[in-house]
Amino acid sequence: MTARGFSAYDNGMARPKAEQTQSVSLRLRMFPEQEQLIRQAAGLAGIGISAWIRERLVRAARREVSQAARYEAPGPAGPQQP
């Protein structure tokens, strides 16, 4: 439980057993209203906050990388030398 009465696993969920251990953590700064919104969205999804954030960030990152790859010109950049 945190000071605000929320738990990362407040839905009675046990920690998932993963093939690989998630060993990297990121620290984010945000406004309290943003945190509350994220907590609410995670609760509506029925998952923990870390899982909610991780899923959404990875999905957004994959989409952005995929879109950027589509717009990269194939081959070397600039005019061709004879």
Foldseek 3Di string as FASTA:
>chain_A
DDPVPDDQQVLPDDDDDDPDDDDDDDDDDDDPVVVVVLCVVCVVVVHGSVVSVVVVVVVVVVVVVVVVVVPDDPDDDDDDDD
